[in-house]
Amino acid sequence: MDHKVEGPKVEYRPLTPEEEARRRKRSVAIALALGAMVLLFFVLTIAKLGPQIMSRPL
C-alpha cells in the first residue's frame, strides 16, 4: 500500500540582506551561548571532582 502524506505546499521567498545579517548574528549568539554553557559545565565538573583528580593512580 502506497500512502503518501503530503503537507501543504509552502513557497519560500529569498531573504533580504538585512534578514540574512540578523540570522547570522542570532546564530553567532546561540553558538557563543552554547560554548559558554559547555565551558561552564566543564569547569564545574572539574571543580566538583577536586584538584586531586590529576594525581590519582590510574
N, C-alpha and C. Protein backbone atom coordinates (compact mmCIF):
# COMPACT_ATOMS: atom_id res chain seq x y z
N MET A 1 0.83 -1.18 0.00
CA MET A 1 0.00 0.00 0.00
C MET A 1 0.87 1.24 0.00
N ASP A 2 0.68 2.06 -0.97
CA ASP A 2 1.44 3.32 -1.07
C ASP A 2 0.57 4.47 -0.60
N HIS A 3 0.81 4.89 0.62
CA HIS A 3 0.09 6.04 1.16
C HIS A 3 1.08 7.17 1.33
N LYS A 4 0.94 8.18 0.53
CA LYS A 4 1.82 9.34 0.66
C LYS A 4 1.05 10.46 1.33
N VAL A 5 1.65 10.96 2.39
CA VAL A 5 1.04 12.08 3.09
C VAL A 5 1.85 13.32 2.74
N GLU A 6 1.20 14.23 2.11
CA GLU A 6 1.89 15.45 1.71
C GLU A 6 1.33 16.62 2.50
N GLY A 7 2.26 17.43 2.99
CA GLY A 7 1.85 18.61 3.73
C GLY A 7 1.47 19.72 2.78
N PRO A 8 1.09 20.84 3.34
CA PRO A 8 0.74 21.97 2.48
C PRO A 8 1.97 22.49 1.74
N LYS A 9 1.75 22.94 0.55
CA LYS A 9 2.85 23.50 -0.25
C LYS A 9 3.20 24.87 0.32
N VAL A 10 4.48 25.06 0.60
CA VAL A 10 4.94 26.32 1.17
C VAL A 10 5.96 26.91 0.21
N GLU A 11 5.75 28.14 -0.14
CA GLU A 11 6.71 28.82 -1.01
C GLU A 11 7.54 29.77 -0.16
N TYR A 12 8.84 29.64 -0.29
CA TYR A 12 9.76 30.48 0.48
C TYR A 12 10.27 31.60 -0.40
N ARG A 13 10.35 32.77 0.20
CA ARG A 13 10.91 33.89 -0.54
C ARG A 13 12.37 34.05 -0.11
N PRO A 14 13.20 34.56 -0.98
CA PRO A 14 14.60 34.77 -0.58
C PRO A 14 14.71 35.82 0.53
N LEU A 15 15.69 35.63 1.39
CA LEU A 15 15.87 36.57 2.49
C LEU A 15 16.54 37.84 1.98
N THR A 16 16.16 38.93 2.61
CA THR A 16 16.82 40.19 2.28
C THR A 16 18.19 40.20 2.97
N PRO A 17 19.11 41.02 2.51
CA PRO A 17 20.42 41.10 3.18
C PRO A 17 20.31 41.43 4.67
N GLU A 18 19.33 42.26 5.03
CA GLU A 18 19.13 42.61 6.45
C GLU A 18 18.70 41.37 7.25
N GLU A 19 17.80 40.58 6.67
CA GLU A 19 17.36 39.36 7.35
C GLU A 19 18.49 38.34 7.47
N GLU A 20 19.31 38.23 6.43
CA GLU A 20 20.46 37.33 6.48
C GLU A 20 21.44 37.76 7.57
N ALA A 21 21.67 39.07 7.70
CA ALA A 21 22.58 39.59 8.73
C ALA A 21 22.02 39.30 10.12
N ARG A 22 20.71 39.50 10.30
CA ARG A 22 20.10 39.20 11.61
C ARG A 22 20.19 37.71 11.93
N ARG A 23 19.97 36.87 10.92
CA ARG A 23 20.06 35.43 11.13
C ARG A 23 21.48 35.03 11.53
N ARG A 24 22.47 35.61 10.85
CA ARG A 24 23.87 35.29 11.18
C ARG A 24 24.21 35.75 12.60
N LYS A 25 23.78 36.95 12.98
CA LYS A 25 24.05 37.44 14.34
C LYS A 25 23.40 36.54 15.38
N ARG A 26 22.16 36.12 15.10
CA ARG A 26 21.47 35.23 16.02
C ARG A 26 22.18 33.88 16.13
N SER A 27 22.66 33.35 15.01
CA SER A 27 23.38 32.08 15.02
C SER A 27 24.68 32.20 15.80
N VAL A 28 25.39 33.30 15.64
CA VAL A 28 26.64 33.51 16.38
C VAL A 28 26.35 33.62 17.87
N ALA A 29 25.28 34.33 18.23
CA ALA A 29 24.92 34.48 19.64
C ALA A 29 24.56 33.12 20.25
N ILE A 30 23.82 32.30 19.52
CA ILE A 30 23.46 30.97 20.02
C ILE A 30 24.71 30.12 20.17
N ALA A 31 25.62 30.18 19.20
CA ALA A 31 26.86 29.40 19.27
C ALA A 31 27.71 29.83 20.46
N LEU A 32 27.81 31.13 20.71
CA LEU A 32 28.59 31.62 21.84
C LEU A 32 27.96 31.20 23.17
N ALA A 33 26.65 31.28 23.25
CA ALA A 33 25.95 30.87 24.47
C ALA A 33 26.15 29.37 24.72
N LEU A 34 26.07 28.57 23.68
CA LEU A 34 26.27 27.13 23.82
C LEU A 34 27.70 26.82 24.24
N GLY A 35 28.67 27.50 23.63
CA GLY A 35 30.06 27.32 24.01
C GLY A 35 30.32 27.71 25.46
N ALA A 36 29.72 28.82 25.89
CA ALA A 36 29.88 29.26 27.28
C ALA A 36 29.27 28.25 28.24
N MET A 37 28.14 27.67 27.87
CA MET A 37 27.49 26.68 28.73
C MET A 37 28.35 25.41 28.83
N VAL A 38 28.92 24.97 27.71
CA VAL A 38 29.80 23.80 27.73
C VAL A 38 31.01 24.08 28.61
N LEU A 39 31.61 25.24 28.46
CA LEU A 39 32.77 25.61 29.28
C LEU A 39 32.39 25.66 30.77
N LEU A 40 31.23 26.22 31.07
CA LEU A 40 30.76 26.28 32.46
C LEU A 40 30.59 24.88 33.04
N PHE A 41 29.95 23.99 32.29
CA PHE A 41 29.77 22.61 32.77
C PHE A 41 31.11 21.93 32.98
N PHE A 42 32.07 22.16 32.08
CA PHE A 42 33.40 21.57 32.21
C PHE A 42 34.08 22.07 33.49
N VAL A 43 34.07 23.37 33.69
CA VAL A 43 34.71 23.96 34.87
C VAL A 43 34.04 23.47 36.15
N LEU A 44 32.72 23.42 36.16
CA LEU A 44 32.01 22.94 37.36
C LEU A 44 32.31 21.47 37.63
N THR A 45 32.42 20.67 36.59
CA THR A 45 32.73 19.26 36.76
C THR A 45 34.12 19.09 37.35
N ILE A 46 35.09 19.82 36.81
CA ILE A 46 36.46 19.75 37.32
C ILE A 46 36.50 20.23 38.77
N ALA A 47 35.77 21.31 39.08
CA ALA A 47 35.75 21.84 40.44
C ALA A 47 35.12 20.82 41.40
N LYS A 48 34.09 20.12 40.96
CA LYS A 48 33.42 19.15 41.81
C LYS A 48 34.31 17.92 42.05
N LEU A 49 35.07 17.52 41.05
CA LEU A 49 35.97 16.38 41.20
C LEU A 49 37.15 16.69 42.11
N GLY A 50 37.54 17.94 42.14
CA GLY A 50 38.61 18.36 43.03
C GLY A 50 39.98 18.36 42.34
N PRO A 51 40.94 19.04 42.93
CA PRO A 51 42.25 19.15 42.31
C PRO A 51 43.05 17.84 42.34
N GLN A 52 42.70 16.89 43.22
CA GLN A 52 43.45 15.63 43.33
C GLN A 52 43.15 14.67 42.17
N ILE A 53 42.19 15.00 41.32
CA ILE A 53 41.81 14.11 40.23
C ILE A 53 42.99 13.84 39.29
N MET A 54 43.89 14.84 39.15
CA MET A 54 45.02 14.68 38.22
C MET A 54 46.15 13.86 38.83
N SER A 55 46.21 13.70 40.14
CA SER A 55 47.32 12.99 40.76
C SER A 55 46.92 11.61 41.30
N ARG A 56 45.75 11.13 40.93
CA ARG A 56 45.33 9.81 41.41
C ARG A 56 45.96 8.70 40.57
N PRO A 57 46.15 7.52 41.14
CA PRO A 57 46.72 6.41 40.36
C PRO A 57 45.71 5.92 39.33
N LEU A 58 46.22 5.51 38.19
CA LEU A 58 45.34 5.01 37.14
C LEU A 58 45.06 3.56 37.34
